[in-house]
N, C-alpha and C. Protein backbone atom coordinates (compact mmCIF):
# COMPACT_ATOMS: atom_id res chain seq x y z
N UNK A 1 18.87 31.81 -30.82
CA UNK A 1 19.25 32.24 -29.98
C UNK A 1 18.00 32.62 -28.43
N UNK A 2 16.60 32.65 -28.97
CA UNK A 2 15.64 32.80 -27.95
C UNK A 2 14.96 31.27 -27.19
N UNK A 3 15.41 30.44 -27.33
CA UNK A 3 15.33 29.38 -26.93
C UNK A 3 16.99 28.91 -25.78
N UNK A 4 17.86 28.88 -26.76
CA UNK A 4 18.81 29.29 -25.00
C UNK A 4 18.10 30.64 -23.76
N UNK A 5 17.79 31.65 -24.48
CA UNK A 5 16.96 32.59 -22.86
C UNK A 5 16.14 32.13 -22.20
N UNK A 6 15.27 31.10 -23.34
CA UNK A 6 13.83 30.86 -22.73
C UNK A 6 14.61 29.41 -21.76
N UNK A 7 15.52 28.82 -21.80
CA UNK A 7 16.28 28.01 -21.18
C UNK A 7 16.81 28.05 -19.72
N UNK A 8 17.53 28.83 -19.74
CA UNK A 8 18.29 30.32 -18.96
C UNK A 8 16.92 30.16 -18.43
N UNK A 9 16.39 31.46 -18.61
CA UNK A 9 15.41 31.56 -17.57
C UNK A 9 14.20 30.42 -17.30
N UNK A 10 13.76 29.05 -17.68
CA UNK A 10 13.52 28.15 -16.29
C UNK A 10 14.48 28.61 -15.26
N UNK A 11 15.62 27.90 -15.85
CA UNK A 11 16.62 27.36 -15.10
C UNK A 11 16.11 28.41 -13.99
N UNK A 12 16.92 29.60 -13.96
CA UNK A 12 16.52 30.57 -13.35
C UNK A 12 15.08 30.43 -12.47
N UNK A 13 13.99 30.13 -12.56
CA UNK A 13 13.13 30.37 -11.96
C UNK A 13 12.87 29.05 -10.66
N UNK A 14 13.20 28.28 -11.72
CA UNK A 14 12.68 26.82 -11.14
C UNK A 14 14.43 26.80 -9.63
N UNK A 15 15.71 27.47 -9.72
CA UNK A 15 16.25 27.62 -8.96
C UNK A 15 15.78 28.45 -7.69
N UNK A 16 15.02 29.55 -7.55
CA UNK A 16 14.76 30.58 -7.30
C UNK A 16 13.58 29.40 -6.29
N UNK A 17 12.63 28.45 -7.18
CA UNK A 17 12.26 28.27 -6.38
C UNK A 17 12.26 26.83 -5.69
N UNK A 18 12.78 26.19 -5.96
CA UNK A 18 13.21 25.16 -5.10
C UNK A 18 14.31 26.09 -3.58
N UNK A 19 14.96 26.80 -3.68
CA UNK A 19 15.78 28.03 -2.91
C UNK A 19 14.57 27.93 -1.67
N UNK A 20 13.48 28.61 -2.60
CA UNK A 20 12.47 29.20 -1.47
C UNK A 20 11.70 28.45 -0.87
N UNK A 21 11.70 26.85 -1.10
CA UNK A 21 11.00 25.81 -0.21
C UNK A 21 11.72 24.47 0.36
N UNK A 22 13.42 25.56 0.50
CA UNK A 22 14.16 24.76 1.73
C UNK A 22 13.06 25.01 3.25
N UNK A 23 14.07 24.42 3.81
CA UNK A 23 13.69 24.59 5.06
C UNK A 23 14.41 26.23 6.01
N UNK A 24 13.69 26.72 6.91
CA UNK A 24 14.66 27.63 7.39
C UNK A 24 15.42 27.56 8.79
N UNK A 25 16.79 28.07 8.86
CA UNK A 25 18.12 27.02 9.21
C UNK A 25 17.42 27.13 10.73
N UNK A 26 16.58 27.98 10.93
CA UNK A 26 16.13 27.73 12.67
C UNK A 26 15.23 26.57 12.83
N UNK A 27 14.48 26.25 11.74
CA UNK A 27 13.87 25.25 12.14
C UNK A 27 14.95 23.49 12.12
N UNK A 28 16.07 23.96 10.93
CA UNK A 28 16.95 22.75 10.83
C UNK A 28 17.62 22.56 12.21
N UNK A 29 17.90 23.75 13.11
CA UNK A 29 18.86 23.86 14.53
C UNK A 29 17.81 23.19 15.74
N UNK A 30 16.33 23.79 15.70
CA UNK A 30 15.83 23.10 16.45
C UNK A 30 15.67 22.46 17.12
N UNK A 31 15.73 22.58 18.57
CA UNK A 31 15.41 21.19 18.55
C UNK A 31 14.24 20.20 19.49
N UNK A 32 13.99 19.62 19.89
CA UNK A 32 12.80 19.94 20.23
C UNK A 32 12.46 19.08 21.83
N UNK A 33 11.75 19.76 22.59
CA UNK A 33 11.91 19.93 23.87
C UNK A 33 11.36 18.48 24.58
N UNK A 34 11.44 18.21 25.50
CA UNK A 34 11.52 16.72 26.01
C UNK A 34 11.65 16.83 27.17
N UNK A 35 10.65 16.28 28.01
CA UNK A 35 10.40 16.49 29.34
C UNK A 35 10.86 15.74 29.76
N UNK A 36 11.95 16.38 31.32
CA UNK A 36 13.23 15.70 32.33
C UNK A 36 11.93 14.71 32.72
N UNK A 37 13.15 14.00 33.12
CA UNK A 37 11.86 11.97 33.88
C UNK A 37 12.63 12.83 35.18
N UNK A 38 12.05 13.34 36.08
CA UNK A 38 12.13 14.34 37.90
C UNK A 38 11.36 13.74 38.64
N UNK A 39 11.12 11.80 38.25
CA UNK A 39 11.50 10.89 39.27
C UNK A 39 12.23 10.32 40.01
N UNK A 40 12.44 11.10 41.26
CA UNK A 40 13.57 10.21 41.79
C UNK A 40 14.84 10.70 41.55
N UNK A 41 14.30 12.00 41.69
CA UNK A 41 15.56 12.47 41.79
C UNK A 41 15.33 13.95 43.25
N UNK A 42 16.81 14.68 43.17
CA UNK A 42 16.39 15.51 44.66
C UNK A 42 16.16 16.73 44.10
N UNK A 43 16.16 16.88 45.44
CA UNK A 43 14.91 18.21 45.16
C UNK A 43 16.04 19.54 44.24
N UNK A 44 17.74 19.44 45.16
CA UNK A 44 18.73 19.95 44.49
C UNK A 44 18.74 19.55 42.61
N UNK A 45 18.61 18.96 42.28
CA UNK A 45 18.37 18.43 41.08
C UNK A 45 17.05 18.90 40.87
N UNK A 46 16.18 18.88 41.36
CA UNK A 46 15.41 19.65 40.27
C UNK A 46 15.43 21.13 40.29
N UNK A 47 15.89 21.65 41.38
CA UNK A 47 15.58 22.87 41.31
C UNK A 47 17.05 23.70 40.09
N UNK A 48 18.11 22.69 40.35
CA UNK A 48 19.02 23.28 38.77
C UNK A 48 18.50 23.06 37.90
N UNK A 49 17.95 22.03 37.21
CA UNK A 49 16.76 21.63 35.61
C UNK A 49 15.91 23.00 36.30
N UNK A 50 15.46 23.37 37.09
CA UNK A 50 14.47 24.92 37.23
C UNK A 50 15.10 25.53 36.73
N UNK A 51 16.40 26.12 36.73
CA UNK A 51 17.29 27.36 37.30
C UNK A 51 17.98 26.93 35.76
N UNK A 52 18.53 25.94 35.21
CA UNK A 52 18.64 25.83 34.15
C UNK A 52 18.18 26.12 32.96
N UNK A 53 17.01 25.46 32.84
CA UNK A 53 15.96 25.77 31.76
C UNK A 53 15.83 27.66 32.01
N UNK A 54 15.40 28.10 32.78
CA UNK A 54 15.35 29.42 33.44
C UNK A 54 16.47 30.13 32.66
N UNK A 55 17.28 29.78 32.75
CA UNK A 55 18.58 30.78 31.78
C UNK A 55 18.51 30.14 30.32
N UNK A 56 17.82 29.13 30.27
CA UNK A 56 18.20 28.94 28.19
C UNK A 56 17.21 29.48 27.68
N UNK A 57 16.10 30.39 28.68
CA UNK A 57 15.17 30.86 28.03
C UNK A 57 15.40 32.15 27.68
N UNK A 58 16.59 33.02 28.69
CA UNK A 58 17.06 33.99 27.84
C UNK A 58 17.22 35.08 29.64
N UNK A 59 16.24 34.05 30.27
CA UNK A 59 16.70 34.73 31.45
C UNK A 59 17.05 34.14 33.31
N UNK A 60 18.49 34.19 32.95
CA UNK A 60 19.16 34.32 33.52
C UNK A 60 19.34 33.88 34.91
N UNK A 61 19.61 32.49 35.58
CA UNK A 61 19.17 31.95 37.17
C UNK A 61 19.95 30.88 37.29
N UNK A 62 20.51 31.19 38.13
CA UNK A 62 21.86 30.36 38.37
C UNK A 62 22.23 30.29 39.93
N UNK A 63 22.58 29.31 40.98
CA UNK A 63 22.45 29.54 42.60
C UNK A 63 23.77 29.05 42.23
N UNK A 64 25.21 30.49 42.15
CA UNK A 64 26.36 30.46 41.85
C UNK A 64 26.77 29.59 42.87
N UNK A 65 26.78 29.35 44.38
CA UNK A 65 27.22 28.57 45.11
C UNK A 65 26.85 26.98 45.59
N UNK A 66 25.52 26.89 44.81
CA UNK A 66 25.17 25.54 44.99
C UNK A 66 25.37 25.00 43.49
N UNK A 67 26.61 26.14 42.30
CA UNK A 67 26.18 25.34 41.43
C UNK A 67 27.82 25.05 41.42
N UNK A 68 28.87 25.65 42.31
CA UNK A 68 30.00 24.85 42.79
C UNK A 68 30.24 24.06 43.78
N UNK A 69 29.41 24.20 44.46
CA UNK A 69 29.39 22.95 45.89
C UNK A 69 28.48 21.59 45.99
N UNK A 70 27.46 21.71 44.43
CA UNK A 70 26.45 20.39 44.71
C UNK A 70 26.40 19.85 43.90
N UNK A 71 26.65 18.63 43.55
CA UNK A 71 27.41 18.10 42.47
C UNK A 71 25.20 17.80 41.55
N UNK A 72 24.85 17.55 42.23
CA UNK A 72 23.22 17.40 41.75
C UNK A 72 22.73 18.84 41.45
N UNK A 73 22.66 19.97 41.71
CA UNK A 73 22.16 21.25 41.58
C UNK A 73 22.96 21.58 40.07
N UNK A 74 24.17 20.37 40.42
CA UNK A 74 25.43 21.80 38.66
C UNK A 74 24.42 20.51 37.41
N UNK A 75 24.23 19.45 37.74
CA UNK A 75 24.67 18.14 36.36
C UNK A 75 22.69 19.02 36.31
N UNK A 76 21.87 19.13 37.42
CA UNK A 76 20.60 19.15 37.05
C UNK A 76 19.98 20.75 36.09
N UNK A 77 21.81 21.19 36.27
CA UNK A 77 21.39 23.05 35.83
C UNK A 77 21.93 22.23 34.15
N UNK A 78 22.58 21.95 34.52
CA UNK A 78 23.27 21.94 33.28
C UNK A 78 22.33 21.17 32.34
N UNK A 79 21.60 19.54 32.25
CA UNK A 79 20.57 19.06 32.12
C UNK A 79 19.73 20.11 31.56
N UNK A 80 18.97 20.73 32.30
CA UNK A 80 17.76 22.11 32.46
C UNK A 80 17.92 22.98 30.84
N UNK A 81 19.41 23.14 30.96
CA UNK A 81 19.42 23.82 30.18
C UNK A 81 20.23 23.69 28.64
N UNK A 82 20.26 22.06 28.06
CA UNK A 82 20.79 21.75 27.16
C UNK A 82 19.25 21.47 26.80
N UNK A 83 17.81 20.90 27.93
CA UNK A 83 17.02 20.54 27.17
C UNK A 83 16.04 21.83 26.80
N UNK A 84 16.49 22.60 27.06
CA UNK A 84 15.55 24.17 26.51
C UNK A 84 16.03 24.50 26.28
N UNK A 85 17.30 24.51 25.75
CA UNK A 85 18.05 25.83 25.02
C UNK A 85 16.81 25.91 23.39
N UNK A 86 16.86 27.54 23.26
CA UNK A 86 15.57 27.46 22.15
C UNK A 86 14.58 27.09 22.30
N UNK A 87 14.01 26.52 23.12
CA UNK A 87 12.76 26.17 23.45
C UNK A 87 12.27 27.37 24.80
N UNK A 88 10.48 28.00 24.57
CA UNK A 88 9.71 28.57 25.30
C UNK A 88 10.17 27.81 26.90
N UNK A 89 10.11 29.08 27.60
CA UNK A 89 10.28 28.64 28.73
C UNK A 89 8.74 27.50 29.18
N UNK A 90 9.34 25.97 29.49
CA UNK A 90 8.66 25.08 29.51
C UNK A 90 7.97 24.88 31.53
N UNK A 91 8.08 25.28 32.00
CA UNK A 91 8.30 25.40 33.31
C UNK A 91 7.86 26.30 33.99
């Protein structure tokens, strides 16, 4: 009986140990920021990246007119938002 209790307690302690050593869910889901190559990109695209990245950092910024009517700005905004999501504001 004592031996059985000792095994159960040991198993419980090992389980707690392994669970506590696991990765934090934030670490698993966190993306690594990679600078976007803005060389040879239009100023409109660059502004979109800047605004999208700022939005991803909880500071909503979007030029609604450009977003609706300017393909380059729209693409840049989405690129910046996806790239910067969950990261500190790098720009």
